[in-house]
Amino acid sequence: QAEEELKAAWSQQAGQLRELGRRERLLRADVQRAGEQLESFKTRLMQVCSPSAAGSTGESVTEHQVIEKVRQISDENQQSHEREKSLQKELSSRLTKEREVSANIEVFKNSLQKLQ
């Protein structure tokens, strides 16, 4: 009876080991697939950001290149926003001056009409 119990325990352990092996193979395949997807994403990102820097010769794009390109795009975006704010302020100032000139012209027209 003890031998039967040992055989059953051994069989159960062997089944668990096979299941762990299967899970390990699946996880390794998932990790490899994720790595390939990351590399593909980095290359596509660089192609979108800068086709000439994307490694058109087939070389892989480094994480540093991707980070630098994203940083560059972020800086350019920030500069663009600052320029937009500056232009909006300038436009607002010019509109205010235009309103003042228009108001002065109206006053001048009214004064001129009264004089006539």
Protein backbone atom coordinates (compact mmCIF):
# COMPACT_ATOMS: atom_id res chain seq x y z
CA GLN A 1 0.00 0.00 0.00
CA ALA A 2 2.89 2.37 0.78
CA GLU A 3 4.34 1.57 -2.64
CA GLU A 4 1.03 2.47 -4.27
CA GLU A 5 0.94 5.76 -2.37
CA LEU A 6 4.51 6.54 -3.44
CA LYS A 7 3.68 5.75 -7.05
CA ALA A 8 0.60 8.00 -6.89
CA ALA A 9 2.62 10.81 -5.29
CA TRP A 10 5.39 10.33 -7.88
CA SER A 11 2.85 10.40 -10.70
CA GLN A 12 1.29 13.56 -9.28
CA GLN A 13 4.70 15.23 -8.93
CA ALA A 14 5.63 14.25 -12.48
CA GLY A 15 2.37 15.75 -13.77
CA GLN A 16 3.04 18.97 -11.89
CA LEU A 17 6.57 19.12 -13.30
CA ARG A 18 5.25 18.63 -16.83
CA GLU A 19 2.72 21.42 -16.26
CA LEU A 20 5.44 23.74 -14.91
CA GLY A 21 7.61 22.94 -17.95
CA ARG A 22 4.72 23.72 -20.27
CA ARG A 23 4.07 27.03 -18.51
CA GLU A 24 7.76 27.90 -18.65
CA ARG A 25 7.85 27.29 -22.42
CA LEU A 26 4.75 29.45 -22.88
CA LEU A 27 6.26 32.24 -20.78
CA ARG A 28 9.54 32.10 -22.69
CA ALA A 29 7.62 32.32 -25.97
CA ASP A 30 5.64 35.28 -24.62
CA VAL A 31 8.81 37.06 -23.50
CA GLN A 32 10.44 36.49 -26.88
CA ARG A 33 7.34 37.72 -28.69
CA ALA A 34 7.18 40.82 -26.45
CA GLY A 35 10.84 41.55 -27.19
CA GLU A 36 10.22 41.28 -30.92
CA GLN A 37 7.18 43.55 -30.62
CA LEU A 38 9.21 46.11 -28.66
CA GLU A 39 11.95 46.10 -31.29
CA SER A 40 9.36 46.48 -34.04
CA PHE A 41 7.66 49.31 -32.15
CA LYS A 42 10.96 51.14 -31.64
CA THR A 43 11.80 50.84 -35.33
CA ARG A 44 8.34 52.02 -36.41
CA LEU A 45 8.52 54.92 -33.93
CA MET A 46 11.86 56.01 -35.35
CA GLN A 47 10.55 55.67 -38.91
CA VAL A 48 7.64 57.95 -38.05
CA CYS A 49 9.81 60.42 -36.12
CA SER A 50 12.80 60.44 -38.38
CA PRO A 51 12.91 58.11 -41.39
CA SER A 52 16.61 58.75 -41.97
CA ALA A 53 17.47 57.70 -38.39
CA ALA A 54 15.28 54.61 -38.40
CA GLY A 55 17.95 52.23 -39.49
CA SER A 56 16.84 51.78 -43.08
CA THR A 57 19.84 49.49 -43.49
CA GLY A 58 18.10 47.00 -41.22
CA GLU A 59 20.06 47.77 -38.06
CA SER A 60 18.04 47.76 -34.85
CA VAL A 61 17.15 51.00 -33.14
CA THR A 62 18.50 51.45 -29.62
CA GLU A 63 16.37 52.50 -26.69
CA HIS A 64 18.65 55.53 -26.31
CA GLN A 65 17.85 56.63 -29.89
CA VAL A 66 14.12 56.29 -29.23
CA ILE A 67 14.36 58.19 -25.94
CA GLU A 68 16.40 60.97 -27.52
CA LYS A 69 13.96 61.28 -30.43
CA VAL A 70 10.95 61.41 -28.08
CA ARG A 71 12.78 64.01 -25.96
CA GLN A 72 13.55 66.05 -29.09
CA ILE A 73 9.92 65.91 -30.22
CA SER A 74 8.78 66.90 -26.72
CA ASP A 75 11.15 69.88 -26.71
CA GLU A 76 9.97 70.96 -30.15
CA ASN A 77 6.37 70.64 -28.99
CA GLN A 78 7.09 72.78 -25.92
CA GLN A 79 8.77 75.44 -28.07
CA SER A 80 5.82 75.39 -30.43
CA HIS A 81 3.39 75.94 -27.54
CA GLU A 82 5.48 78.81 -26.21
CA ARG A 83 5.60 80.40 -29.68
CA GLU A 84 1.82 79.97 -29.99
CA LYS A 85 1.27 81.71 -26.63
CA SER A 86 3.57 84.53 -27.67
CA LEU A 87 1.72 84.99 -30.97
CA GLN A 88 -1.64 84.93 -29.18
CA LYS A 89 -0.46 87.67 -26.82
CA GLU A 90 0.79 89.71 -29.77
CA LEU A 91 -2.49 89.23 -31.62
CA SER A 92 -4.48 90.21 -28.54
CA SER A 93 -2.36 93.33 -28.12
CA ARG A 94 -2.82 94.29 -31.77
CA LEU A 95 -6.58 93.74 -31.56
CA THR A 96 -6.74 95.98 -28.49
CA LYS A 97 -4.79 98.70 -30.32
CA GLU A 98 -7.03 98.29 -33.37
CA ARG A 99 -10.13 98.76 -31.20
CA GLU A 100 -8.60 101.88 -29.66
CA VAL A 101 -7.79 103.29 -33.11
CA SER A 102 -11.30 102.46 -34.33
CA ALA A 103 -12.80 104.18 -31.30
CA ASN A 104 -10.59 107.23 -31.90
CA ILE A 105 -11.60 107.29 -35.56
CA GLU A 106 -15.27 107.26 -34.53
CA VAL A 107 -14.67 110.13 -32.13
CA PHE A 108 -12.80 111.97 -34.87
CA LYS A 109 -15.62 111.35 -37.39
CA ASN A 110 -18.22 112.58 -34.92
CA SER A 111 -16.17 115.66 -34.15
CA LEU A 112 -15.67 116.30 -37.85
CA GLN A 113 -19.40 115.97 -38.55
CA LYS A 114 -20.22 118.39 -35.75
CA LEU A 115 -17.73 120.88 -37.14
CA GLN A 116 -19.27 120.66 -40.60
